Protein backbone atom coordinates (compact mmCIF):
# COMPACT_ATOMS: atom_id res chain seq x y z
CA MET A 1 -12.36 7.36 43.38
CA SER A 2 -11.09 4.17 45.01
CA GLN A 3 -7.96 2.24 44.03
CA GLY A 4 -10.08 -0.73 42.86
CA SER A 5 -12.14 1.52 40.57
CA LYS A 6 -9.01 3.09 39.06
CA LYS A 7 -7.51 -0.33 38.51
CA LYS A 8 -10.69 -1.58 36.74
CA LYS A 9 -10.76 1.48 34.49
CA GLY A 10 -7.08 0.99 33.67
CA ILE A 11 -7.65 -2.65 32.78
CA ALA A 12 -10.71 -1.76 30.69
CA LEU A 13 -8.74 0.91 28.83
CA ALA A 14 -5.87 -1.51 28.20
CA LEU A 15 -8.32 -4.10 26.81
CA VAL A 16 -9.97 -1.54 24.54
CA LEU A 17 -6.58 -0.42 23.22
CA LEU A 18 -5.57 -4.05 22.65
CA LEU A 19 -8.77 -4.69 20.68
CA VAL A 20 -8.31 -1.55 18.58
CA MET A 21 -4.69 -2.45 17.81
CA SER A 22 -5.72 -6.02 16.92
CA ALA A 23 -8.44 -4.75 14.59
CA LEU A 24 -5.99 -2.35 12.96
CA ALA A 25 -3.47 -5.16 12.47
CA VAL A 26 -6.14 -7.27 10.75
CA VAL A 27 -7.08 -4.40 8.45
CA VAL A 28 -3.49 -3.49 7.61
CA PHE A 29 -1.80 -6.88 7.59
CA GLY A 30 -4.65 -9.38 7.33
CA LYS A 31 -5.60 -8.48 3.79
CA GLY A 32 -3.59 -8.79 0.67
CA TYR A 33 -0.20 -10.06 -0.30
CA ILE A 34 2.22 -8.01 1.72
CA ARG A 35 5.97 -8.28 1.80
CA TYR A 36 7.88 -5.84 3.94
CA LYS A 37 11.61 -5.57 3.46
CA SER A 38 13.57 -2.90 5.22
CA ARG A 39 16.73 -1.39 3.84
CA GLY A 40 19.92 -3.09 4.98
CA VAL A 41 18.16 -6.10 6.51
CA SER A 42 16.76 -7.80 3.43
CA SER A 43 18.91 -9.63 0.94
CA HIS A 44 16.60 -8.24 -1.76
CA VAL A 45 16.67 -4.51 -2.30
CA ILE A 46 14.99 -2.90 -5.27
CA THR A 47 17.47 -1.09 -7.47
CA ALA A 48 15.45 0.55 -10.21
CA SER A 49 16.45 3.88 -11.65
CA SER A 50 12.96 5.32 -11.16
CA ALA A 51 9.47 4.62 -9.91
CA GLU A 52 8.26 4.92 -13.50
CA GLN A 53 10.53 2.06 -14.60
CA ILE A 54 8.96 -0.27 -12.01
CA ALA A 55 5.40 0.84 -12.81
CA GLU A 56 5.88 0.31 -16.53
CA ARG A 57 7.23 -3.21 -15.94
CA ILE A 58 4.26 -4.06 -13.70
CA ILE A 59 1.79 -2.73 -16.29
CA SER A 60 3.49 -4.73 -19.02
CA ASP A 61 3.83 -7.99 -17.09
CA THR A 62 0.30 -7.94 -15.64
CA SER A 63 -1.22 -6.90 -18.99
CA LEU A 64 -3.16 -4.07 -17.34
CA VAL A 65 -5.10 -2.00 -19.86
CA GLY A 66 -7.05 1.19 -19.40
CA VAL A 67 -4.88 2.66 -16.65
CA VAL A 68 -3.98 6.33 -16.71
CA LYS A 69 -1.12 8.08 -14.96
CA LEU A 70 -2.07 10.46 -12.18
CA GLN A 71 -0.45 13.87 -11.90
CA ASN A 72 1.34 14.88 -8.68
CA GLU A 73 -1.59 16.88 -7.31
CA GLN A 74 -3.92 13.93 -7.97
CA VAL A 75 -1.52 11.61 -6.16
CA GLY A 76 -1.66 13.93 -3.16
CA ASN A 77 -5.46 13.88 -3.25
CA TYR A 78 -5.76 10.09 -3.53
CA TYR A 79 -2.99 9.12 -1.13
CA GLY A 80 -2.63 12.10 1.18
CA VAL A 81 1.13 11.73 1.00
CA PRO A 82 3.08 15.00 1.12
CA VAL A 83 4.57 15.50 -2.34
CA ALA A 84 7.71 16.98 -0.75
CA ILE A 85 8.78 13.63 0.75
CA ILE A 86 8.51 11.72 -2.53
CA GLU A 87 11.75 11.56 -4.50
CA ASN A 88 9.78 10.32 -7.50
CA SER A 89 6.55 8.45 -8.04
CA ALA A 90 4.46 6.73 -10.64
CA VAL A 91 0.79 6.19 -9.89
CA TYR A 92 -1.62 4.65 -12.36
CA LYS A 93 -5.33 4.13 -11.83
CA SER A 94 -7.98 2.51 -13.94
CA SER A 95 -9.79 4.94 -16.20
CA SER A 96 -13.01 3.09 -15.33
CA ALA A 97 -14.68 3.80 -12.00
CA LEU A 98 -15.85 0.17 -12.02
CA SER A 99 -12.29 -1.22 -11.94
CA ALA A 100 -10.08 -1.17 -8.84
CA ASP A 101 -6.87 -1.68 -10.86
CA GLU A 102 -4.20 0.62 -9.48
CA ILE A 103 -0.42 0.83 -9.26
CA ALA A 104 1.47 3.16 -6.96
CA VAL A 105 5.26 3.28 -6.76
CA PHE A 106 6.86 5.79 -4.42
CA ARG A 107 10.60 6.34 -4.07
CA VAL A 108 11.67 8.02 -0.85
CA SER A 109 15.03 8.75 0.71
CA SER A 110 14.64 7.96 4.41
CA GLU A 111 13.10 5.42 6.76
CA ALA A 112 10.77 8.07 8.21
CA GLU A 113 9.53 8.99 4.72
CA LYS A 114 9.10 5.30 3.89
CA LYS A 115 6.84 4.90 6.93
CA ILE A 116 4.77 7.93 5.87
CA ALA A 117 4.40 6.57 2.33
CA ALA A 118 3.51 3.07 3.61
CA SER A 119 0.88 4.60 5.90
CA ALA A 120 -0.53 6.54 2.94
CA VAL A 121 -0.78 3.29 0.97
CA ASP A 122 -2.61 1.64 3.88
CA GLY A 123 -5.03 4.57 3.94
CA ARG A 124 -5.58 4.31 0.20
CA LEU A 125 -6.35 0.59 0.52
CA SER A 126 -8.92 1.36 3.20
CA ASP A 127 -10.50 3.94 0.88
CA CYS A 128 -10.59 1.40 -1.95
CA ARG A 129 -12.22 -1.22 0.27
CA SER A 130 -14.91 1.30 1.22
CA SER A 131 -15.44 2.50 -2.35
CA TYR A 132 -15.77 -0.95 -3.88
CA SER A 133 -17.55 -2.69 -0.99
CA THR A 134 -20.91 -2.58 -2.76
CA LEU A 135 -19.59 -3.28 -6.24
CA SER A 136 -18.27 -6.36 -8.00
CA SER A 137 -16.87 -9.17 -5.90
CA ASP A 138 -14.08 -9.47 -8.49
CA GLU A 139 -12.89 -5.94 -7.68
CA ASN A 140 -13.13 -6.63 -3.94
CA ARG A 141 -11.06 -9.77 -4.46
CA LYS A 142 -8.39 -7.70 -6.25
CA ILE A 143 -8.23 -5.30 -3.31
CA ASP A 144 -8.14 -8.09 -0.75
CA ASN A 145 -5.30 -9.81 -2.64
CA CYS A 146 -3.33 -6.70 -3.50
CA LEU A 147 0.43 -6.55 -3.36
CA VAL A 148 2.14 -4.11 -1.05
CA GLU A 149 5.91 -4.17 -0.92
CA VAL A 150 8.29 -1.96 1.00
CA SER A 151 11.84 -2.61 -0.14
CA GLY A 152 14.93 -0.46 -0.36
CA ASP A 153 13.81 3.10 -1.08
CA TYR A 154 10.49 2.00 -2.58
CA VAL A 155 6.92 1.62 -1.38
CA ILE A 156 4.83 -0.21 -3.96
CA MET A 157 1.13 -1.07 -4.10
CA VAL A 158 -0.50 -3.04 -6.89
CA ILE A 159 -4.20 -3.83 -7.15
CA CYS A 160 -4.74 -6.15 -10.09
CA GLY A 161 -6.11 -9.53 -11.04
CA ASP A 162 -2.74 -11.30 -10.68
CA PRO A 163 -0.56 -10.01 -7.83
CA GLY A 164 1.82 -12.93 -8.43
CA LYS A 165 2.76 -11.51 -11.83
CA ALA A 166 3.19 -8.08 -10.26
CA SER A 167 5.50 -9.62 -7.66
CA GLU A 168 7.54 -11.31 -10.39
CA ALA A 169 7.82 -7.99 -12.24
CA ILE A 170 9.11 -6.26 -9.10
CA SER A 171 11.57 -9.07 -8.34
CA GLU A 172 13.31 -8.33 -11.64
CA PHE A 173 14.63 -5.18 -9.94
CA TYR A 174 16.12 -6.98 -6.95
CA LYS A 175 19.82 -6.50 -6.34
């Protein structure tokens, strides 16, 4: 194989990788209302006593009805996040298969675990987009405008009709 051929293949591979990474960035960051705050850098760190406390506030402030709490094994099935890395969690999903409403709050203890939980949330959002792609445009709009926040020890995802209210509910826990 000649040097020119190797160079062309290398350039082609680099372009393909660039396109794949760009597409992934659009999928992960181009949809929804995403705020990412890392521990120690942000002036706002969530200081709730538990994931459940945050989830309950979100449910109350967004007036979500018909959501049921998932058990740990169900959380593992939906999110693919290893239960062992989660300090505590609260995940609620609509009891209706026709509604995309969902709240997931994960509390972890390290940056590495936070990245794993955030990746699991990204995967769950992709699954939701696929599941609801042929259903109601209102549900697709909820998914596209979801709230994902990584702050302090928490990774939070909220799919609901008013992510602004969910954001306000979360901000009540800022230190």
